[in-house]
Every structure is written in C-alpha cells, then in structure tokens.
Amino acid sequence: CCPTGRRVQSSRLGPSPPRLLTEEEYRLQGEVETLKALEELRSFCRSPDFSAWTAVSRIQSPKRFAEFVGGASHVTPNEVSVHEREFGLDSLFIDEQLFEEDEDDEEEEMGNSDSFAG
C-alpha cells in the first residue's frame, strides 16, 4: 500500500533480467566495440611502453602490422571476401539447403528401413 513496501517487495525478487539485444543492436555493438578495441591497440602500439622490435620479430608480416598501426584496416579485401563466403548470407542459404538434403535423406532411410521390417 505504500511506496516503501513496494521497494522491499521488488528487492526480494532480485534484479530484473537484462533486456536482450536485437540482432541489429548486437551487430552494431560488435562493430562499435571492435573499432574501439582496434584503436586502443593502435594507440598502445604507438606508445613508448610498446616494444616494437620484439613484436616485429615475432609476427609473420611486419609490413602489414606497420600499416595497421599507421591506420590501415586490420583485414585485407581477400579476407573479407572469404569471410563473407563462409559466414555471410550466401553461406546461410547453402547451410539451409544442406540441412534440407540431410533431412530428406534421413526420411528416405527411415522409409526404406520400415519396408524391410514387414
């Protein structure tokens, strides 16, 4: 009946679960956080605390790393293309077709095994 009672009751129930992100919010948050982390990495690599010689001696492509620190993209156009093929909308369509074929094969096998039982 009073506001204090409501606060006590809601605190006994515990915190409400967080709101889930939509796919678009999730994608956007991923992009924003990735860009932020990449910029933090670039900044650290430019700092006096960073041992450039140690890093360069341990990586496969020092030129590419230097370009990244200078502001270039962290992925090549070819890597983007491969990723899109493997994980983009095209791959979802292919996955759906594969799963449909698997289900059809299983149904055929089940149908054939039933005919042998009789």
PDB file of N, CA and C in Angstrom:
ATOM      1  N   CYS A   1       0.809  -1.203   0.000  1.00  0.00           N
ATOM      2  CA  CYS A   1       0.000   0.000   0.000  1.00  0.00           C
ATOM      3  C   CYS A   1       0.840   1.249   0.000  1.00  0.00           C
ATOM      4  N   CYS A   2       2.051   1.162   0.422  1.00  0.00           N
ATOM      5  CA  CYS A   2       2.902   2.358   0.432  1.00  0.00           C
ATOM      6  C   CYS A   2       4.153   2.118  -0.421  1.00  0.00           C
ATOM      7  N   PRO A   3       4.798   3.186  -0.910  1.00  0.00           N
ATOM      8  CA  PRO A   3       5.965   3.036  -1.778  1.00  0.00           C
ATOM      9  C   PRO A   3       7.111   2.238  -1.130  1.00  0.00           C
ATOM     10  N   THR A   4       7.300   2.370   0.175  1.00  0.00           N
ATOM     11  CA  THR A   4       8.371   1.646   0.849  1.00  0.00           C
ATOM     12  C   THR A   4       8.134   0.146   0.747  1.00  0.00           C
ATOM     13  N   GLY A   5       6.904  -0.265   0.921  1.00  0.00           N
ATOM     14  CA  GLY A   5       6.561  -1.682   0.818  1.00  0.00           C
ATOM     15  C   GLY A   5       6.850  -2.232  -0.566  1.00  0.00           C
ATOM     16  N   ARG A   6       6.605  -1.437  -1.582  1.00  0.00           N
ATOM     17  CA  ARG A   6       6.872  -1.864  -2.957  1.00  0.00           C
ATOM     18  C   ARG A   6       8.368  -2.065  -3.179  1.00  0.00           C
ATOM     19  N   ARG A   7       9.182  -1.147  -2.645  1.00  0.00           N
ATOM     20  CA  ARG A   7      10.633  -1.275  -2.788  1.00  0.00           C
ATOM     21  C   ARG A   7      11.141  -2.548  -2.120  1.00  0.00           C
ATOM     22  N   VAL A   8      10.622  -2.846  -0.935  1.00  0.00           N
ATOM     23  CA  VAL A   8      11.037  -4.047  -0.211  1.00  0.00           C
ATOM     24  C   VAL A   8      10.638  -5.282  -1.001  1.00  0.00           C
ATOM     25  N   GLN A   9       9.439  -5.308  -1.529  1.00  0.00           N
ATOM     26  CA  GLN A   9       8.973  -6.462  -2.287  1.00  0.00           C
ATOM     27  C   GLN A   9       9.821  -6.651  -3.550  1.00  0.00           C
ATOM     28  N   SER A  10      10.105  -5.588  -4.285  1.00  0.00           N
ATOM     29  CA  SER A  10      10.867  -5.731  -5.528  1.00  0.00           C
ATOM     30  C   SER A  10      12.312  -6.130  -5.236  1.00  0.00           C
ATOM     31  N   SER A  11      12.884  -5.714  -4.103  1.00  0.00           N
ATOM     32  CA  SER A  11      14.257  -6.096  -3.798  1.00  0.00           C
ATOM     33  C   SER A  11      14.339  -7.570  -3.420  1.00  0.00           C
ATOM     34  N   ARG A  12      13.270  -8.127  -2.883  1.00  0.00           N
ATOM     35  CA  ARG A  12      13.269  -9.547  -2.546  1.00  0.00           C
ATOM     36  C   ARG A  12      13.223 -10.401  -3.811  1.00  0.00           C
ATOM     37  N   LEU A  13      12.622  -9.895  -4.859  1.00  0.00           N
ATOM     38  CA  LEU A  13      12.527 -10.642  -6.105  1.00  0.00           C
ATOM     39  C   LEU A  13      13.859 -10.666  -6.845  1.00  0.00           C
ATOM     40  N   GLY A  14      14.759  -9.776  -6.514  1.00  0.00           N
ATOM     41  CA  GLY A  14      16.051  -9.711  -7.185  1.00  0.00           C
ATOM     42  C   GLY A  14      15.990  -8.789  -8.385  1.00  0.00           C
ATOM     43  N   PRO A  15      17.116  -8.580  -8.975  1.00  0.00           N
ATOM     44  CA  PRO A  15      17.149  -7.680 -10.133  1.00  0.00           C
ATOM     45  C   PRO A  15      16.427  -8.308 -11.321  1.00  0.00           C
ATOM     46  N   SER A  16      15.838  -7.450 -12.120  1.00  0.00           N
ATOM     47  CA  SER A  16      15.155  -7.962 -13.309  1.00  0.00           C
ATOM     48  C   SER A  16      16.208  -8.358 -14.339  1.00  0.00           C
ATOM     49  N   PRO A  17      15.915  -9.360 -15.147  1.00  0.00           N
ATOM     50  CA  PRO A  17      16.906  -9.792 -16.135  1.00  0.00           C
ATOM     51  C   PRO A  17      17.156  -8.685 -17.152  1.00  0.00           C
ATOM     52  N   PRO A  18      18.382  -8.626 -17.673  1.00  0.00           N
ATOM     53  CA  PRO A  18      18.680  -7.569 -18.646  1.00  0.00           C
ATOM     54  C   PRO A  18      17.909  -7.789 -19.942  1.00  0.00           C
ATOM     55  N   ARG A  19      17.647  -6.694 -20.627  1.00  0.00           N
ATOM     56  CA  ARG A  19      16.949  -6.784 -21.910  1.00  0.00           C
ATOM     57  C   ARG A  19      17.911  -7.355 -22.938  1.00  0.00           C
ATOM     58  N   LEU A  20      17.448  -8.304 -23.711  1.00  0.00           N
ATOM     59  CA  LEU A  20      18.282  -8.899 -24.752  1.00  0.00           C
ATOM     60  C   LEU A  20      18.362  -7.965 -25.951  1.00  0.00           C
ATOM     61  N   LEU A  21      19.503  -7.987 -26.615  1.00  0.00           N
ATOM     62  CA  LEU A  21      19.692  -7.152 -27.789  1.00  0.00           C
ATOM     63  C   LEU A  21      19.027  -7.776 -29.008  1.00  0.00           C
ATOM     64  N   THR A  22      18.572  -6.925 -29.897  1.00  0.00           N
ATOM     65  CA  THR A  22      18.090  -7.424 -31.180  1.00  0.00           C
ATOM     66  C   THR A  22      19.322  -7.795 -32.011  1.00  0.00           C
ATOM     67  N   GLU A  23      19.134  -8.515 -33.110  1.00  0.00           N
ATOM     68  CA  GLU A  23      20.268  -8.867 -33.964  1.00  0.00           C
ATOM     69  C   GLU A  23      20.977  -7.621 -34.467  1.00  0.00           C
ATOM     70  N   GLU A  24      20.214  -6.602 -34.841  1.00  0.00           N
ATOM     71  CA  GLU A  24      20.810  -5.370 -35.354  1.00  0.00           C
ATOM     72  C   GLU A  24      21.604  -4.660 -34.255  1.00  0.00           C
ATOM     73  N   GLU A  25      21.070  -4.591 -33.036  1.00  0.00           N
ATOM     74  CA  GLU A  25      21.790  -3.971 -31.923  1.00  0.00           C
ATOM     75  C   GLU A  25      23.073  -4.742 -31.616  1.00  0.00           C
ATOM     76  N   TYR A  26      22.993  -6.072 -31.665  1.00  0.00           N
ATOM     77  CA  TYR A  26      24.153  -6.929 -31.412  1.00  0.00           C
ATOM     78  C   TYR A  26      25.235  -6.683 -32.460  1.00  0.00           C
ATOM     79  N   ARG A  27      24.849  -6.645 -33.732  1.00  0.00           N
ATOM     80  CA  ARG A  27      25.791  -6.403 -34.818  1.00  0.00           C
ATOM     81  C   ARG A  27      26.440  -5.027 -34.663  1.00  0.00           C
ATOM     82  N   LEU A  28      25.613  -4.016 -34.388  1.00  0.00           N
ATOM     83  CA  LEU A  28      26.117  -2.651 -34.244  1.00  0.00           C
ATOM     84  C   LEU A  28      27.070  -2.544 -33.056  1.00  0.00           C
ATOM     85  N   GLN A  29      26.697  -3.136 -31.934  1.00  0.00           N
ATOM     86  CA  GLN A  29      27.554  -3.099 -30.759  1.00  0.00           C
ATOM     87  C   GLN A  29      28.884  -3.802 -31.046  1.00  0.00           C
ATOM     88  N   GLY A  30      28.828  -4.908 -31.769  1.00  0.00           N
ATOM     89  CA  GLY A  30      30.051  -5.614 -32.151  1.00  0.00           C
ATOM     90  C   GLY A  30      30.964  -4.740 -32.994  1.00  0.00           C
ATOM     91  N   GLU A  31      30.391  -4.034 -33.956  1.00  0.00           N
ATOM     92  CA  GLU A  31      31.192  -3.158 -34.813  1.00  0.00           C
ATOM     93  C   GLU A  31      31.806  -2.015 -34.009  1.00  0.00           C
ATOM     94  N   VAL A  32      31.001  -1.381 -33.163  1.00  0.00           N
ATOM     95  CA  VAL A  32      31.482  -0.248 -32.367  1.00  0.00           C
ATOM     96  C   VAL A  32      32.601  -0.690 -31.424  1.00  0.00           C
ATOM     97  N   GLU A  33      32.381  -1.780 -30.711  1.00  0.00           N
ATOM     98  CA  GLU A  33      33.380  -2.258 -29.751  1.00  0.00           C
ATOM     99  C   GLU A  33      34.649  -2.741 -30.446  1.00  0.00           C
ATOM    100  N   THR A  34      34.523  -3.354 -31.615  1.00  0.00           N
ATOM    101  CA  THR A  34      35.698  -3.795 -32.357  1.00  0.00           C
ATOM    102  C   THR A  34      36.524  -2.604 -32.808  1.00  0.00           C
ATOM    103  N   LEU A  35      35.867  -1.591 -33.371  1.00  0.00           N
ATOM    104  CA  LEU A  35      36.594  -0.397 -33.805  1.00  0.00           C
ATOM    105  C   LEU A  35      37.284   0.282 -32.625  1.00  0.00           C
ATOM    106  N   LYS A  36      36.600   0.333 -31.488  1.00  0.00           N
ATOM    107  CA  LYS A  36      37.170   0.936 -30.284  1.00  0.00           C
ATOM    108  C   LYS A  36      38.410   0.148 -29.826  1.00  0.00           C
ATOM    109  N   ALA A  37      38.313  -1.171 -29.794  1.00  0.00           N
ATOM    110  CA  ALA A  37      39.436  -2.007 -29.364  1.00  0.00           C
ATOM    111  C   ALA A  37      40.609  -1.913 -30.338  1.00  0.00           C
ATOM    112  N   LEU A  38      40.325  -1.855 -31.640  1.00  0.00           N
ATOM    113  CA  LEU A  38      41.394  -1.714 -32.621  1.00  0.00           C
ATOM    114  C   LEU A  38      42.126  -0.382 -32.447  1.00  0.00           C
ATOM    115  N   GLU A  39      41.382   0.663 -32.170  1.00  0.00           N
ATOM    116  CA  GLU A  39      42.006   1.967 -31.969  1.00  0.00           C
ATOM    117  C   GLU A  39      42.842   1.967 -30.688  1.00  0.00           C
ATOM    118  N   GLU A  40      42.365   1.289 -29.632  1.00  0.00           N
ATOM    119  CA  GLU A  40      43.152   1.168 -28.402  1.00  0.00           C
ATOM    120  C   GLU A  40      44.447   0.399 -28.676  1.00  0.00           C
ATOM    121  N   LEU A  41      44.375  -0.641 -29.488  1.00  0.00           N
ATOM    122  CA  LEU A  41      45.559  -1.418 -29.843  1.00  0.00           C
ATOM    123  C   LEU A  41      46.546  -0.566 -30.624  1.00  0.00           C
ATOM    124  N   ARG A  42      46.053   0.186 -31.603  1.00  0.00           N
ATOM    125  CA  ARG A  42      46.934   1.078 -32.365  1.00  0.00           C
ATOM    126  C   ARG A  42      47.616   2.082 -31.440  1.00  0.00           C
ATOM    127  N   SER A  43      46.830   2.646 -30.536  1.00  0.00           N
ATOM    128  CA  SER A  43      47.367   3.640 -29.610  1.00  0.00           C
ATOM    129  C   SER A  43      48.461   3.026 -28.736  1.00  0.00           C
ATOM    130  N   PHE A  44      48.226   1.822 -28.226  1.00  0.00           N
ATOM    131  CA  PHE A  44      49.225   1.160 -27.402  1.00  0.00           C
ATOM    132  C   PHE A  44      50.492   0.873 -28.212  1.00  0.00           C
ATOM    133  N   CYS A  45      50.316   0.446 -29.469  1.00  0.00           N
ATOM    134  CA  CYS A  45      51.467   0.127 -30.310  1.00  0.00           C
ATOM    135  C   CYS A  45      52.305   1.358 -30.635  1.00  0.00           C
ATOM    136  N   ARG A  46      51.725   2.546 -30.517  1.00  0.00           N
ATOM    137  CA  ARG A  46      52.457   3.791 -30.756  1.00  0.00           C
ATOM    138  C   ARG A  46      53.095   4.336 -29.477  1.00  0.00           C
ATOM    139  N   SER A  47      52.747   3.754 -28.342  1.00  0.00           N
ATOM    140  CA  SER A  47      53.219   4.272 -27.058  1.00  0.00           C
ATOM    141  C   SER A  47      54.662   3.852 -26.786  1.00  0.00           C
ATOM    142  N   PRO A  48      55.356   4.579 -25.901  1.00  0.00           N
ATOM    143  CA  PRO A  48      56.735   4.225 -25.556  1.00  0.00           C
ATOM    144  C   PRO A  48      56.837   2.898 -24.795  1.00  0.00           C
ATOM    145  N   ASP A  49      55.735   2.439 -24.197  1.00  0.00           N
ATOM    146  CA  ASP A  49      55.740   1.176 -23.454  1.00  0.00           C
ATOM    147  C   ASP A  49      55.778  -0.043 -24.369  1.00  0.00           C
ATOM    148  N   PHE A  50      55.501   0.153 -25.640  1.00  0.00           N
ATOM    149  CA  PHE A  50      55.413  -0.949 -26.593  1.00  0.00           C
ATOM    150  C   PHE A  50      56.790  -1.245 -27.187  1.00  0.00           C
ATOM    151  N   SER A  51      57.205  -2.495 -27.158  1.00  0.00           N
ATOM    152  CA  SER A  51      58.487  -2.904 -27.717  1.00  0.00           C
ATOM    153  C   SER A  51      58.284  -3.325 -29.170  1.00  0.00           C
ATOM    154  N   ALA A  52      58.454  -2.388 -30.075  1.00  0.00           N
ATOM    155  CA  ALA A  52      58.204  -2.638 -31.498  1.00  0.00           C
ATOM    156  C   ALA A  52      59.118  -3.729 -32.044  1.00  0.00           C
ATOM    157  N   TRP A  53      60.389  -3.720 -31.652  1.00  0.00           N
ATOM    158  CA  TRP A  53      61.323  -4.725 -32.179  1.00  0.00           C
ATOM    159  C   TRP A  53      60.927  -6.127 -31.751  1.00  0.00           C
ATOM    160  N   THR A  54      60.486  -6.281 -30.535  1.00  0.00           N
ATOM    161  CA  THR A  54      60.049  -7.597 -30.066  1.00  0.00           C
ATOM    162  C   THR A  54      58.838  -8.064 -30.858  1.00  0.00           C
ATOM    163  N   ALA A  55      57.883  -7.171 -31.051  1.00  0.00           N
ATOM    164  CA  ALA A  55      56.673  -7.530 -31.800  1.00  0.00           C
ATOM    165  C   ALA A  55      57.011  -7.888 -33.243  1.00  0.00           C
ATOM    166  N   VAL A  56      57.809  -7.058 -33.885  1.00  0.00           N
ATOM    167  CA  VAL A  56      58.158  -7.284 -35.295  1.00  0.00           C
ATOM    168  C   VAL A  56      58.908  -8.601 -35.464  1.00  0.00           C
ATOM    169  N   SER A  57      59.727  -8.971 -34.491  1.00  0.00           N
ATOM    170  CA  SER A  57      60.496 -10.217 -34.604  1.00  0.00           C
ATOM    171  C   SER A  57      59.607 -11.451 -34.442  1.00  0.00           C
ATOM    172  N   ARG A  58      58.396 -11.270 -33.919  1.00  0.00           N
ATOM    173  CA  ARG A  58      57.515 -12.411 -33.650  1.00  0.00           C
ATOM    174  C   ARG A  58      56.358 -12.566 -34.643  1.00  0.00           C
ATOM    175  N   ILE A  59      56.134 -11.596 -35.493  1.00  0.00           N
ATOM    176  CA  ILE A  59      54.969 -11.678 -36.382  1.00  0.00           C
ATOM    177  C   ILE A  59      55.388 -12.059 -37.798  1.00  0.00           C
ATOM    178  N   GLN A  60      54.444 -12.636 -38.532  1.00  0.00           N
ATOM    179  CA  GLN A  60      54.708 -13.102 -39.900  1.00  0.00           C
ATOM    180  C   GLN A  60      54.872 -11.956 -40.884  1.00  0.00           C
ATOM    181  N   SER A  61      54.044 -10.916 -40.734  1.00  0.00           N
ATOM    182  CA  SER A  61      54.036  -9.848 -41.727  1.00  0.00           C
ATOM    183  C   SER A  61      54.254  -8.485 -41.056  1.00  0.00           C
ATOM    184  N   PRO A  62      55.519  -8.120 -40.822  1.00  0.00           N
ATOM    185  CA  PRO A  62      55.796  -6.843 -40.159  1.00  0.00           C
ATOM    186  C   PRO A  62      55.279  -5.634 -40.946  1.00  0.00           C
ATOM    187  N   LYS A  63      55.339  -5.724 -42.279  1.00  0.00           N
ATOM    188  CA  LYS A  63      54.866  -4.599 -43.107  1.00  0.00           C
ATOM    189  C   LYS A  63      53.363  -4.383 -42.894  1.00  0.00           C
ATOM    190  N   ARG A  64      52.621  -5.466 -42.878  1.00  0.00           N
ATOM    191  CA  ARG A  64      51.177  -5.359 -42.672  1.00  0.00           C
ATOM    192  C   ARG A  64      50.871  -4.807 -41.281  1.00  0.00           C
ATOM    193  N   PHE A  65      51.637  -5.236 -40.291  1.00  0.00           N
ATOM    194  CA  PHE A  65      51.450  -4.734 -38.930  1.00  0.00           C
ATOM    195  C   PHE A  65      51.725  -3.238 -38.874  1.00  0.00           C
ATOM    196  N   ALA A  66      52.798  -2.805 -39.509  1.00  0.00           N
ATOM    197  CA  ALA A  66      53.134  -1.380 -39.526  1.00  0.00           C
ATOM    198  C   ALA A  66      52.022  -0.576 -40.205  1.00  0.00           C
ATOM    199  N   GLU A  67      51.464  -1.119 -41.286  1.00  0.00           N
ATOM    200  CA  GLU A  67      50.354  -0.442 -41.962  1.00  0.00           C
ATOM    201  C   GLU A  67      49.137  -0.344 -41.047  1.00  0.00           C
ATOM    202  N   PHE A  68      48.867  -1.413 -40.285  1.00  0.00           N
ATOM    203  CA  PHE A  68      47.746  -1.388 -39.339  1.00  0.00           C
ATOM    204  C   PHE A  68      47.962  -0.312 -38.282  1.00  0.00           C
ATOM    205  N   VAL A  69      49.162  -0.267 -37.704  1.00  0.00           N
ATOM    206  CA  VAL A  69      49.458   0.737 -36.674  1.00  0.00           C
ATOM    207  C   VAL A  69      49.322   2.133 -37.265  1.00  0.00           C
ATOM    208  N   GLY A  70      49.653   2.274 -38.540  1.00  0.00           N
ATOM    209  CA  GLY A  70      49.521   3.564 -39.218  1.00  0.00           C
ATOM    210  C   GLY A  70      48.094   3.938 -39.579  1.00  0.00           C
ATOM    211  N   GLY A  71      47.147   3.015 -39.395  1.00  0.00           N
ATOM    212  CA  GLY A  71      45.748   3.339 -39.642  1.00  0.00           C
ATOM    213  C   GLY A  71      45.059   2.489 -40.689  1.00  0.00           C
ATOM    214  N   ALA A  72      45.793   1.571 -41.321  1.00  0.00           N
ATOM    215  CA  ALA A  72      45.170   0.718 -42.337  1.00  0.00           C
ATOM    216  C   ALA A  72      44.234  -0.297 -41.683  1.00  0.00           C
ATOM    217  N   SER A  73      43.410  -0.905 -42.487  1.00  0.00           N
ATOM    218  CA  SER A  73      42.461  -1.902 -41.999  1.00  0.00           C
ATOM    219  C   SER A  73      43.190  -3.115 -41.427  1.00  0.00           C
ATOM    220  N   HIS A  74      42.549  -3.783 -40.490  1.00  0.00           N
ATOM    221  CA  HIS A  74      43.146  -4.977 -39.888  1.00  0.00           C
ATOM    222  C   HIS A  74      42.879  -6.233 -40.715  1.00  0.00           C
ATOM    223  N   VAL A  75      42.042  -6.127 -41.741  1.00  0.00           N
ATOM    224  CA  VAL A  75      41.756  -7.254 -42.629  1.00  0.00           C
ATOM    225  C   VAL A  75      41.939  -6.810 -44.078  1.00  0.00           C
ATOM    226  N   THR A  76      42.322  -7.767 -44.911  1.00  0.00           N
ATOM    227  CA  THR A  76      42.502  -7.475 -46.330  1.00  0.00           C
ATOM    228  C   THR A  76      41.167  -7.676 -47.058  1.00  0.00           C
ATOM    229  N   PRO A  77      41.016  -7.098 -48.246  1.00  0.00           N
ATOM    230  CA  PRO A  77      39.790  -7.337 -49.019  1.00  0.00           C
ATOM    231  C   PRO A  77      39.565  -8.831 -49.278  1.00  0.00           C
ATOM    232  N   ASN A  78      40.648  -9.580 -49.503  1.00  0.00           N
ATOM    233  CA  ASN A  78      40.518 -11.014 -49.726  1.00  0.00           C
ATOM    234  C   ASN A  78      39.961 -11.715 -48.477  1.00  0.00           C
ATOM    235  N   GLU A  79      40.440 -11.324 -47.300  1.00  0.00           N
ATOM    236  CA  GLU A  79      39.935 -11.919 -46.052  1.00  0.00           C
ATOM    237  C   GLU A  79      38.455 -11.608 -45.855  1.00  0.00           C
ATOM    238  N   VAL A  80      38.055 -10.398 -46.215  1.00  0.00           N
ATOM    239  CA  VAL A  80      36.641 -10.020 -46.118  1.00  0.00           C
ATOM    240  C   VAL A  80      35.811 -10.897 -47.046  1.00  0.00           C
ATOM    241  N   SER A  81      36.301 -11.101 -48.261  1.00  0.00           N
ATOM    242  CA  SER A  81      35.589 -11.919 -49.239  1.00  0.00           C
ATOM    243  C   SER A  81      35.433 -13.360 -48.759  1.00  0.00           C
ATOM    244  N   VAL A  82      36.512 -13.932 -48.233  1.00  0.00           N
ATOM    245  CA  VAL A  82      36.463 -15.298 -47.722  1.00  0.00           C
ATOM    246  C   VAL A  82      35.474 -15.393 -46.559  1.00  0.00           C
ATOM    247  N   HIS A  83      35.512 -14.409 -45.678  1.00  0.00           N
ATOM    248  CA  HIS A  83      34.591 -14.404 -44.527  1.00  0.00           C
ATOM    249  C   HIS A  83      33.144 -14.336 -44.986  1.00  0.00           C
ATOM    250  N   GLU A  84      32.867 -13.479 -45.957  1.00  0.00           N
ATOM    251  CA  GLU A  84      31.505 -13.356 -46.475  1.00  0.00           C
ATOM    252  C   GLU A  84      31.028 -14.671 -47.089  1.00  0.00           C
ATOM    253  N   ARG A  85      31.926 -15.338 -47.814  1.00  0.00           N
ATOM    254  CA  ARG A  85      31.557 -16.626 -48.408  1.00  0.00           C
ATOM    255  C   ARG A  85      31.250 -17.659 -47.327  1.00  0.00           C
ATOM    256  N   GLU A  86      32.062 -17.675 -46.282  1.00  0.00           N
ATOM    257  CA  GLU A  86      31.905 -18.696 -45.243  1.00  0.00           C
ATOM    258  C   GLU A  86      30.799 -18.387 -44.251  1.00  0.00           C
ATOM    259  N   PHE A  87      30.614 -17.102 -43.929  1.00  0.00           N
ATOM    260  CA  PHE A  87      29.696 -16.750 -42.851  1.00  0.00           C
ATOM    261  C   PHE A  87      28.606 -15.774 -43.253  1.00  0.00           C
ATOM    262  N   GLY A  88      28.600 -15.312 -44.482  1.00  0.00           N
ATOM    263  CA  GLY A  88      27.614 -14.328 -44.930  1.00  0.00           C
ATOM    264  C   GLY A  88      26.276 -14.970 -45.246  1.00  0.00           C
ATOM    265  N   LEU A  89      25.408 -14.189 -45.875  1.00  0.00           N
ATOM    266  CA  LEU A  89      24.069 -14.668 -46.217  1.00  0.00           C
ATOM    267  C   LEU A  89      24.113 -15.835 -47.184  1.00  0.00           C
ATOM    268  N   ASP A  90      25.083 -15.841 -48.099  1.00  0.00           N
ATOM    269  CA  ASP A  90      25.196 -16.948 -49.043  1.00  0.00           C
ATOM    270  C   ASP A  90      25.411 -18.269 -48.315  1.00  0.00           C
ATOM    271  N   SER A  91      26.245 -18.246 -47.264  1.00  0.00           N
ATOM    272  CA  SER A  91      26.521 -19.483 -46.536  1.00  0.00           C
ATOM    273  C   SER A  91      25.281 -19.957 -45.788  1.00  0.00           C
ATOM    274  N   LEU A  92      24.453 -19.025 -45.316  1.00  0.00           N
ATOM    275  CA  LEU A  92      23.220 -19.417 -44.629  1.00  0.00           C
ATOM    276  C   LEU A  92      22.288 -20.155 -45.579  1.00  0.00           C
ATOM    277  N   PHE A  93      22.206 -19.663 -46.820  1.00  0.00           N
ATOM    278  CA  PHE A  93      21.371 -20.303 -47.824  1.00  0.00           C
ATOM    279  C   PHE A  93      21.889 -21.704 -48.132  1.00  0.00           C
ATOM    280  N   ILE A  94      23.218 -21.831 -48.273  1.00  0.00           N
ATOM    281  CA  ILE A  94      23.819 -23.136 -48.546  1.00  0.00           C
ATOM    282  C   ILE A  94      23.594 -24.079 -47.374  1.00  0.00           C
ATOM    283  N   ASP A  95      23.769 -23.583 -46.143  1.00  0.00           N
ATOM    284  CA  ASP A  95      23.530 -24.409 -44.950  1.00  0.00           C
ATOM    285  C   ASP A  95      22.099 -24.919 -44.922  1.00  0.00           C
ATOM    286  N   GLU A  96      21.148 -24.040 -45.232  1.00  0.00           N
ATOM    287  CA  GLU A  96      19.742 -24.452 -45.242  1.00  0.00           C
ATOM    288  C   GLU A  96      19.523 -25.563 -46.256  1.00  0.00           C
ATOM    289  N   GLN A  97      20.116 -25.423 -47.431  1.00  0.00           N
ATOM    290  CA  GLN A  97      19.965 -26.457 -48.455  1.00  0.00           C
ATOM    291  C   GLN A  97      20.583 -27.768 -47.982  1.00  0.00           C
ATOM    292  N   LEU A  98      21.748 -27.711 -47.362  1.00  0.00           N
ATOM    293  CA  LEU A  98      22.401 -28.924 -46.878  1.00  0.00           C
ATOM    294  C   LEU A  98      21.567 -29.612 -45.814  1.00  0.00           C
ATOM    295  N   PHE A  99      21.017 -28.828 -44.871  1.00  0.00           N
ATOM    296  CA  PHE A  99      20.202 -29.412 -43.817  1.00  0.00           C
ATOM    297  C   PHE A  99      18.927 -30.021 -44.388  1.00  0.00           C
ATOM    298  N   GLU A 100      18.338 -29.358 -45.382  1.00  0.00           N
ATOM    299  CA  GLU A 100      17.137 -29.910 -46.011  1.00  0.00           C
ATOM    300  C   GLU A 100      17.460 -31.232 -46.693  1.00  0.00           C
ATOM    301  N   GLU A 101      18.622 -31.307 -47.387  1.00  0.00           N
ATOM    302  CA  GLU A 101      19.025 -32.547 -48.041  1.00  0.00           C
ATOM    303  C   GLU A 101      19.257 -33.646 -47.021  1.00  0.00           C
ATOM    304  N   ASP A 102      19.899 -33.321 -45.889  1.00  0.00           N
ATOM    305  CA  ASP A 102      20.141 -34.304 -44.829  1.00  0.00           C
ATOM    306  C   ASP A 102      18.830 -34.841 -44.285  1.00  0.00           C
ATOM    307  N   GLU A 103      17.858 -33.941 -44.064  1.00  0.00           N
ATOM    308  CA  GLU A 103      16.562 -34.370 -43.546  1.00  0.00           C
ATOM    309  C   GLU A 103      15.852 -35.263 -44.556  1.00  0.00           C
ATOM    310  N   ASP A 104      15.930 -34.911 -45.848  1.00  0.00           N
ATOM    311  CA  ASP A 104      15.310 -35.731 -46.889  1.00  0.00           C
ATOM    312  C   ASP A 104      15.946 -37.115 -46.926  1.00  0.00           C
ATOM    313  N   ASP A 105      17.285 -37.168 -46.824  1.00  0.00           N
ATOM    314  CA  ASP A 105      17.998 -38.454 -46.823  1.00  0.00           C
ATOM    315  C   ASP A 105      17.579 -39.304 -45.633  1.00  0.00           C
ATOM    316  N   GLU A 106      17.460 -38.677 -44.458  1.00  0.00           N
ATOM    317  CA  GLU A 106      17.061 -39.416 -43.255  1.00  0.00           C
ATOM    318  C   GLU A 106      15.649 -39.972 -43.402  1.00  0.00           C
ATOM    319  N   GLU A 107      14.755 -39.162 -43.983  1.00  0.00           N
ATOM    320  CA  GLU A 107      13.380 -39.625 -44.179  1.00  0.00           C
ATOM    321  C   GLU A 107      13.330 -40.798 -45.144  1.00  0.00           C
ATOM    322  N   GLU A 108      14.161 -40.732 -46.210  1.00  0.00           N
ATOM    323  CA  GLU A 108      14.209 -41.839 -47.163  1.00  0.00           C
ATOM    324  C   GLU A 108      14.735 -43.094 -46.490  1.00  0.00           C
ATOM    325  N   GLU A 109      15.776 -42.949 -45.665  1.00  0.00           N
ATOM    326  CA  GLU A 109      16.341 -44.094 -44.965  1.00  0.00           C
ATOM    327  C   GLU A 109      15.313 -44.707 -44.018  1.00  0.00           C
ATOM    328  N   MET A 110      14.585 -43.851 -43.324  1.00  0.00           N
ATOM    329  CA  MET A 110      13.552 -44.338 -42.402  1.00  0.00           C
ATOM    330  C   MET A 110      12.473 -45.090 -43.176  1.00  0.00           C
ATOM    331  N   GLY A 111      12.101 -44.564 -44.320  1.00  0.00           N
ATOM    332  CA  GLY A 111      11.090 -45.195 -45.156  1.00  0.00           C
ATOM    333  C   GLY A 111      11.579 -46.545 -45.658  1.00  0.00           C
ATOM    334  N   ASN A 112      12.832 -46.629 -46.037  1.00  0.00           N
ATOM    335  CA  ASN A 112      13.391 -47.902 -46.515  1.00  0.00           C
ATOM    336  C   ASN A 112      13.508 -48.911 -45.394  1.00  0.00           C
ATOM    337  N   SER A 113      13.877 -48.484 -44.203  1.00  0.00           N
ATOM    338  CA  SER A 113      14.017 -49.421 -43.111  1.00  0.00           C
ATOM    339  C   SER A 113      12.652 -49.967 -42.670  1.00  0.00           C
ATOM    340  N   ASP A 114      11.611 -49.157 -42.816  1.00  0.00           N
ATOM    341  CA  ASP A 114      10.262 -49.630 -42.475  1.00  0.00           C
ATOM    342  C   ASP A 114       9.821 -50.710 -43.427  1.00  0.00           C
ATOM    343  N   SER A 115      10.199 -50.612 -44.683  1.00  0.00           N
ATOM    344  CA  SER A 115       9.762 -51.605 -45.671  1.00  0.00           C
ATOM    345  C   SER A 115      10.438 -52.946 -45.444  1.00  0.00           C
ATOM    346  N   PHE A 116      11.642 -52.943 -44.854  1.00  0.00           N
ATOM    347  CA  PHE A 116      12.333 -54.197 -44.575  1.00  0.00           C
ATOM    348  C   PHE A 116      11.766 -54.870 -43.340  1.00  0.00           C
ATOM    349  N   ALA A 117      11.145 -54.112 -42.463  1.00  0.00           N
ATOM    350  CA  ALA A 117      10.638 -54.675 -41.215  1.00  0.00           C
ATOM    351  C   ALA A 117       9.439 -55.593 -41.489  1.00  0.00           C
ATOM    352  N   GLY A 118       8.702 -55.378 -42.539  1.00  0.00           N
ATOM    353  CA  GLY A 118       7.468 -56.106 -42.803  1.00  0.00           C
ATOM    354  C   GLY A 118       7.680 -57.392 -43.418  1.00  0.00           C
TER     355      GLY A 118
END
